[in-house]
Structures are given as structure tokens and as C-alpha cells.
Amino acid sequence: MKTLWLIAAVLLLSACATKQYPQVSAVTDQEAVSLNCQALEQEIAKTHDIQQKIAQTGSFDFLTVLGFMGDLGIGNGLARHNASEKAKSRLSELQTLRDVKCLTTTDSTSQARGVIRSS
């Protein structure tokens, strides 16, 4: 009887063993307008850091074993995939925004300096 309770307890605990991956949100319209080049670089660095944390959280540990016992690891796999996709999407949005805002600004500044120097 004790063995049955132990097995039931392990199965119940394994269902709660989904790892908690760091989450990021998409770039909002307000962020797109208000972030300058330096802030964009900081946000890109933060997103890279979150991607590393997702990879570290996904490493094999006790929760991986419990999660596998509960649902064959599907819950942890889905959670990791969703977190990775959101981070990848945010990084892409930030890099595109940086390319539009910062490279255009840099090119305009370089052209203005060239015009001033050639005059």
C-alpha cells in the first residue's frame, strides 16, 4: 500500500515538473518609436542573454527526469521551443529596427560629414 502511495506521489509531482524558461515579449510599437541606437544595442544584448539562459535551463537535471516520467518530456520540450521562438523573434525585430534606425542615421551622418569636409 505504501508503494502505491509513493508511486502516486511521484506521478503527481512529475506533472508539475515543467521547467520555467525565461520569457520575452515582442517589440511593442512604443518601444520601436522610443528606443535609440544605444538602447537597441542593450536590448539585443539582453535578448542574447535570455537565449543563453534558455539553453542553460534546458540542460539535463532532476526536473528533466520528472518531466519525462510525467509526459515523456513533451511539456518541457514545448516550453523550451516556445521560449526560444519568442526570443528569436524579438531578436530579429530588434536587429531589423536597429538596421533601419541606426544604420540610416550613421549613413546620413557620414554623408553630411563628407559634404562638410569636401566644401
N, C-alpha and C. Protein backbone atom coordinates (compact mmCIF):
# COMPACT_ATOMS: atom_id res chain seq x y z
N MET A 1 0.83 -1.20 0.00
CA MET A 1 0.00 0.00 0.00
C MET A 1 0.87 1.26 0.00
N LYS A 2 1.95 1.23 0.77
CA LYS A 2 2.85 2.39 0.81
C LYS A 2 3.49 2.60 -0.55
N THR A 3 3.78 1.52 -1.24
CA THR A 3 4.39 1.63 -2.57
C THR A 3 3.43 2.31 -3.53
N LEU A 4 2.17 2.00 -3.44
CA LEU A 4 1.16 2.61 -4.30
C LEU A 4 1.07 4.11 -4.05
N TRP A 5 1.12 4.54 -2.79
CA TRP A 5 1.10 5.97 -2.45
C TRP A 5 2.35 6.67 -2.95
N LEU A 6 3.48 6.00 -2.84
CA LEU A 6 4.75 6.58 -3.31
C LEU A 6 4.71 6.78 -4.82
N ILE A 7 4.22 5.79 -5.53
CA ILE A 7 4.13 5.90 -6.99
C ILE A 7 3.16 7.02 -7.37
N ALA A 8 2.04 7.10 -6.68
CA ALA A 8 1.07 8.16 -6.95
C ALA A 8 1.67 9.54 -6.69
N ALA A 9 2.42 9.67 -5.60
CA ALA A 9 3.05 10.96 -5.27
C ALA A 9 4.07 11.36 -6.32
N VAL A 10 4.88 10.41 -6.77
CA VAL A 10 5.90 10.70 -7.79
C VAL A 10 5.22 11.13 -9.09
N LEU A 11 4.16 10.45 -9.47
CA LEU A 11 3.46 10.82 -10.71
C LEU A 11 2.82 12.20 -10.60
N LEU A 12 2.27 12.51 -9.45
CA LEU A 12 1.68 13.85 -9.27
C LEU A 12 2.75 14.93 -9.31
N LEU A 13 3.88 14.67 -8.68
CA LEU A 13 4.96 15.66 -8.69
C LEU A 13 5.57 15.80 -10.07
N SER A 14 5.63 14.72 -10.82
CA SER A 14 6.22 14.80 -12.15
C SER A 14 5.38 15.64 -13.09
N ALA A 15 4.09 15.68 -12.86
CA ALA A 15 3.22 16.51 -13.69
C ALA A 15 3.51 18.00 -13.48
N CYS A 16 4.06 18.35 -12.34
CA CYS A 16 4.38 19.75 -12.03
C CYS A 16 5.84 20.08 -12.34
N ALA A 17 6.52 19.21 -13.05
CA ALA A 17 7.95 19.36 -13.24
C ALA A 17 8.33 20.12 -14.50
N THR A 18 7.40 20.83 -15.10
CA THR A 18 7.74 21.62 -16.27
C THR A 18 8.68 22.74 -15.86
N LYS A 19 9.77 22.86 -16.58
CA LYS A 19 10.76 23.90 -16.25
C LYS A 19 10.20 25.27 -16.61
N GLN A 20 10.68 26.27 -15.89
CA GLN A 20 10.26 27.65 -16.13
C GLN A 20 11.34 28.35 -16.95
N TYR A 21 11.07 28.52 -18.22
CA TYR A 21 12.01 29.18 -19.12
C TYR A 21 11.77 30.68 -19.11
N PRO A 22 12.85 31.48 -19.25
CA PRO A 22 12.68 32.93 -19.33
C PRO A 22 11.83 33.29 -20.55
N GLN A 23 10.98 34.27 -20.40
CA GLN A 23 10.09 34.69 -21.48
C GLN A 23 10.38 36.13 -21.88
N VAL A 24 10.24 36.40 -23.15
CA VAL A 24 10.35 37.77 -23.66
C VAL A 24 9.10 38.09 -24.46
N SER A 25 8.84 39.36 -24.62
CA SER A 25 7.69 39.78 -25.41
C SER A 25 8.16 40.35 -26.74
N ALA A 26 7.23 40.44 -27.65
CA ALA A 26 7.55 41.06 -28.94
C ALA A 26 7.82 42.54 -28.74
N VAL A 27 8.50 43.14 -29.69
CA VAL A 27 8.79 44.57 -29.63
C VAL A 27 7.47 45.32 -29.83
N THR A 28 7.16 46.19 -28.88
CA THR A 28 5.91 46.95 -28.97
C THR A 28 6.12 48.18 -29.86
N ASP A 29 5.02 48.76 -30.29
CA ASP A 29 5.10 49.98 -31.11
C ASP A 29 5.79 51.11 -30.34
N GLN A 30 5.49 51.20 -29.04
CA GLN A 30 6.10 52.26 -28.23
C GLN A 30 7.61 52.06 -28.14
N GLU A 31 8.05 50.80 -27.98
CA GLU A 31 9.50 50.53 -27.96
C GLU A 31 10.12 50.90 -29.29
N ALA A 32 9.47 50.54 -30.36
CA ALA A 32 10.01 50.81 -31.70
C ALA A 32 10.23 52.31 -31.91
N VAL A 33 9.35 53.12 -31.37
CA VAL A 33 9.47 54.56 -31.54
C VAL A 33 10.50 55.15 -30.58
N SER A 34 10.50 54.68 -29.34
CA SER A 34 11.29 55.35 -28.31
C SER A 34 12.73 54.85 -28.18
N LEU A 35 13.04 53.64 -28.61
CA LEU A 35 14.40 53.12 -28.43
C LEU A 35 15.37 53.80 -29.39
N ASN A 36 16.47 54.30 -28.83
CA ASN A 36 17.52 54.86 -29.68
C ASN A 36 18.56 53.77 -29.96
N CYS A 37 19.61 54.11 -30.66
CA CYS A 37 20.60 53.11 -31.07
C CYS A 37 21.26 52.43 -29.87
N GLN A 38 21.63 53.19 -28.86
CA GLN A 38 22.27 52.61 -27.69
C GLN A 38 21.30 51.68 -26.94
N ALA A 39 20.07 52.10 -26.79
CA ALA A 39 19.07 51.27 -26.12
C ALA A 39 18.78 50.00 -26.92
N LEU A 40 18.78 50.11 -28.24
CA LEU A 40 18.59 48.92 -29.08
C LEU A 40 19.71 47.92 -28.87
N GLU A 41 20.94 48.41 -28.81
CA GLU A 41 22.08 47.52 -28.57
C GLU A 41 21.96 46.82 -27.22
N GLN A 42 21.50 47.57 -26.21
CA GLN A 42 21.31 46.98 -24.88
C GLN A 42 20.22 45.92 -24.91
N GLU A 43 19.13 46.18 -25.60
CA GLU A 43 18.04 45.20 -25.69
C GLU A 43 18.48 43.96 -26.46
N ILE A 44 19.29 44.14 -27.48
CA ILE A 44 19.81 43.00 -28.23
C ILE A 44 20.71 42.15 -27.33
N ALA A 45 21.55 42.81 -26.54
CA ALA A 45 22.42 42.09 -25.60
C ALA A 45 21.60 41.33 -24.56
N LYS A 46 20.54 41.97 -24.05
CA LYS A 46 19.66 41.31 -23.07
C LYS A 46 19.00 40.08 -23.69
N THR A 47 18.58 40.19 -24.94
CA THR A 47 17.92 39.07 -25.61
C THR A 47 18.90 37.93 -25.83
N HIS A 48 20.15 38.24 -26.17
CA HIS A 48 21.17 37.19 -26.28
C HIS A 48 21.36 36.50 -24.93
N ASP A 49 21.36 37.28 -23.86
CA ASP A 49 21.49 36.73 -22.51
C ASP A 49 20.32 35.79 -22.18
N ILE A 50 19.14 36.18 -22.56
CA ILE A 50 17.96 35.35 -22.31
C ILE A 50 18.06 34.05 -23.11
N GLN A 51 18.56 34.12 -24.33
CA GLN A 51 18.75 32.91 -25.13
C GLN A 51 19.72 31.95 -24.44
N GLN A 52 20.78 32.49 -23.83
CA GLN A 52 21.72 31.65 -23.09
C GLN A 52 21.06 31.04 -21.86
N LYS A 53 20.21 31.80 -21.18
CA LYS A 53 19.50 31.28 -20.00
C LYS A 53 18.53 30.18 -20.40
N ILE A 54 17.91 30.31 -21.55
CA ILE A 54 17.01 29.27 -22.03
C ILE A 54 17.79 27.98 -22.27
N ALA A 55 18.97 28.11 -22.87
CA ALA A 55 19.81 26.94 -23.11
C ALA A 55 20.25 26.31 -21.79
N GLN A 56 20.62 27.13 -20.81
CA GLN A 56 21.03 26.60 -19.51
C GLN A 56 19.88 25.92 -18.80
N THR A 57 18.70 26.50 -18.87
CA THR A 57 17.53 25.92 -18.22
C THR A 57 17.19 24.58 -18.86
N GLY A 58 17.46 24.45 -20.14
CA GLY A 58 17.15 23.22 -20.85
C GLY A 58 18.13 22.09 -20.60
N SER A 59 19.17 22.36 -19.82
CA SER A 59 20.14 21.30 -19.55
C SER A 59 19.51 20.18 -18.73
N PHE A 60 20.10 19.02 -18.79
CA PHE A 60 19.58 17.82 -18.14
C PHE A 60 19.73 17.93 -16.63
N ASP A 61 18.63 17.73 -15.90
CA ASP A 61 18.65 17.74 -14.45
C ASP A 61 17.48 16.92 -13.91
N PHE A 62 17.24 17.03 -12.61
CA PHE A 62 16.20 16.26 -11.94
C PHE A 62 14.81 16.56 -12.53
N LEU A 63 14.55 17.84 -12.85
CA LEU A 63 13.25 18.19 -13.43
C LEU A 63 13.06 17.57 -14.81
N THR A 64 14.15 17.38 -15.54
CA THR A 64 14.07 16.72 -16.84
C THR A 64 13.58 15.29 -16.65
N VAL A 65 14.13 14.60 -15.66
CA VAL A 65 13.73 13.22 -15.39
C VAL A 65 12.26 13.17 -14.98
N LEU A 66 11.85 14.04 -14.05
CA LEU A 66 10.46 14.06 -13.61
C LEU A 66 9.52 14.42 -14.75
N GLY A 67 9.90 15.39 -15.54
CA GLY A 67 9.08 15.79 -16.69
C GLY A 67 8.94 14.66 -17.69
N PHE A 68 9.99 13.89 -17.89
CA PHE A 68 9.94 12.76 -18.81
C PHE A 68 9.01 11.69 -18.27
N MET A 69 9.06 11.47 -16.98
CA MET A 69 8.19 10.47 -16.36
C MET A 69 6.73 10.88 -16.48
N GLY A 70 6.43 12.16 -16.37
CA GLY A 70 5.06 12.64 -16.38
C GLY A 70 4.44 12.67 -17.76
N ASP A 71 5.16 13.18 -18.75
CA ASP A 71 4.56 13.33 -20.08
C ASP A 71 5.56 13.07 -21.20
N LEU A 72 6.54 12.24 -20.92
CA LEU A 72 7.59 11.89 -21.88
C LEU A 72 8.40 13.10 -22.32
N GLY A 73 8.43 14.12 -21.50
CA GLY A 73 9.24 15.31 -21.77
C GLY A 73 8.61 16.29 -22.74
N ILE A 74 7.38 16.03 -23.13
CA ILE A 74 6.73 16.88 -24.12
C ILE A 74 6.50 18.29 -23.57
N GLY A 75 6.06 18.39 -22.31
CA GLY A 75 5.80 19.71 -21.71
C GLY A 75 7.05 20.58 -21.68
N ASN A 76 8.17 20.00 -21.24
CA ASN A 76 9.42 20.76 -21.20
C ASN A 76 9.90 21.11 -22.60
N GLY A 77 9.72 20.19 -23.53
CA GLY A 77 10.14 20.45 -24.92
C GLY A 77 9.34 21.59 -25.53
N LEU A 78 8.03 21.58 -25.30
CA LEU A 78 7.19 22.66 -25.83
C LEU A 78 7.51 24.00 -25.17
N ALA A 79 7.72 23.98 -23.85
CA ALA A 79 8.04 25.22 -23.14
C ALA A 79 9.35 25.81 -23.65
N ARG A 80 10.34 24.96 -23.86
CA ARG A 80 11.64 25.44 -24.36
C ARG A 80 11.50 25.98 -25.78
N HIS A 81 10.79 25.24 -26.62
CA HIS A 81 10.61 25.67 -28.01
C HIS A 81 9.91 27.03 -28.08
N ASN A 82 8.84 27.19 -27.31
CA ASN A 82 8.11 28.46 -27.30
C ASN A 82 8.98 29.62 -26.82
N ALA A 83 9.73 29.39 -25.74
CA ALA A 83 10.61 30.44 -25.23
C ALA A 83 11.69 30.80 -26.25
N SER A 84 12.26 29.79 -26.90
CA SER A 84 13.30 30.03 -27.91
C SER A 84 12.75 30.80 -29.10
N GLU A 85 11.57 30.42 -29.55
CA GLU A 85 10.97 31.10 -30.70
C GLU A 85 10.65 32.56 -30.39
N LYS A 86 10.13 32.82 -29.20
CA LYS A 86 9.83 34.21 -28.82
C LYS A 86 11.12 35.04 -28.75
N ALA A 87 12.18 34.47 -28.18
CA ALA A 87 13.45 35.19 -28.09
C ALA A 87 14.03 35.44 -29.47
N LYS A 88 13.94 34.44 -30.33
CA LYS A 88 14.46 34.58 -31.70
C LYS A 88 13.69 35.65 -32.46
N SER A 89 12.38 35.67 -32.27
CA SER A 89 11.53 36.66 -32.93
C SER A 89 11.86 38.07 -32.44
N ARG A 90 12.00 38.24 -31.12
CA ARG A 90 12.32 39.56 -30.56
C ARG A 90 13.70 40.02 -31.06
N LEU A 91 14.66 39.12 -31.08
CA LEU A 91 16.00 39.47 -31.56
C LEU A 91 15.95 39.93 -33.00
N SER A 92 15.20 39.23 -33.82
CA SER A 92 15.07 39.61 -35.23
C SER A 92 14.42 40.99 -35.37
N GLU A 93 13.37 41.23 -34.58
CA GLU A 93 12.70 42.54 -34.63
C GLU A 93 13.63 43.65 -34.20
N LEU A 94 14.39 43.42 -33.13
CA LEU A 94 15.32 44.44 -32.64
C LEU A 94 16.42 44.72 -33.65
N GLN A 95 16.95 43.66 -34.28
CA GLN A 95 18.02 43.85 -35.26
C GLN A 95 17.51 44.59 -36.50
N THR A 96 16.30 44.28 -36.92
CA THR A 96 15.71 44.99 -38.06
C THR A 96 15.50 46.45 -37.72
N LEU A 97 15.00 46.70 -36.52
CA LEU A 97 14.80 48.08 -36.07
C LEU A 97 16.12 48.83 -35.99
N ARG A 98 17.16 48.15 -35.48
CA ARG A 98 18.49 48.76 -35.41
C ARG A 98 19.00 49.09 -36.81
N ASP A 99 18.81 48.16 -37.75
CA ASP A 99 19.27 48.39 -39.12
C ASP A 99 18.58 49.61 -39.73
N VAL A 100 17.30 49.75 -39.45
CA VAL A 100 16.54 50.87 -40.02
C VAL A 100 16.92 52.19 -39.35
N LYS A 101 16.95 52.19 -38.02
CA LYS A 101 17.18 53.43 -37.28
C LYS A 101 18.65 53.84 -37.25
N CYS A 102 19.52 52.91 -36.95
CA CYS A 102 20.91 53.26 -36.65
C CYS A 102 21.79 53.33 -37.89
N LEU A 103 21.65 52.39 -38.79
CA LEU A 103 22.50 52.42 -39.98
C LEU A 103 22.11 53.58 -40.87
N THR A 104 20.84 53.91 -40.93
CA THR A 104 20.40 55.06 -41.71
C THR A 104 20.93 56.34 -41.10
N THR A 105 20.89 56.44 -39.78
CA THR A 105 21.40 57.62 -39.08
C THR A 105 22.90 57.74 -39.29
N THR A 106 23.60 56.61 -39.18
CA THR A 106 25.05 56.61 -39.36
C THR A 106 25.42 57.02 -40.78
N ASP A 107 24.70 56.47 -41.77
CA ASP A 107 24.98 56.81 -43.17
C ASP A 107 24.72 58.29 -43.43
N SER A 108 23.64 58.82 -42.88
CA SER A 108 23.32 60.24 -43.07
C SER A 108 24.39 61.12 -42.45
N THR A 109 24.85 60.73 -41.25
CA THR A 109 25.89 61.49 -40.57
C THR A 109 27.19 61.45 -41.37
N SER A 110 27.53 60.27 -41.88
CA SER A 110 28.76 60.13 -42.67
C SER A 110 28.68 60.97 -43.94
N GLN A 111 27.52 60.95 -44.59
CA GLN A 111 27.36 61.74 -45.81
C GLN A 111 27.44 63.23 -45.49
N ALA A 112 26.86 63.65 -44.39
CA ALA A 112 26.90 65.07 -44.00
C ALA A 112 28.33 65.48 -43.72
N ARG A 113 29.09 64.62 -43.03
CA ARG A 113 30.50 64.94 -42.75
C ARG A 113 31.31 65.03 -44.03
N GLY A 114 31.00 64.14 -44.98
CA GLY A 114 31.69 64.14 -46.28
C GLY A 114 31.42 65.43 -47.04
N VAL A 115 30.19 65.88 -46.96
CA VAL A 115 29.82 67.12 -47.64
C VAL A 115 30.53 68.30 -47.00
N ILE A 116 30.60 68.31 -45.65
CA ILE A 116 31.25 69.40 -44.95
C ILE A 116 32.76 69.40 -45.25
N ARG A 117 33.37 68.21 -45.25
CA ARG A 117 34.82 68.13 -45.50
C ARG A 117 35.17 68.51 -46.93
N SER A 118 34.33 68.15 -47.89
CA SER A 118 34.65 68.45 -49.28
C SER A 118 34.40 69.92 -49.62
N SER A 119 33.67 70.62 -48.79
CA SER A 119 33.37 72.03 -49.06
C SER A 119 34.53 72.92 -48.75
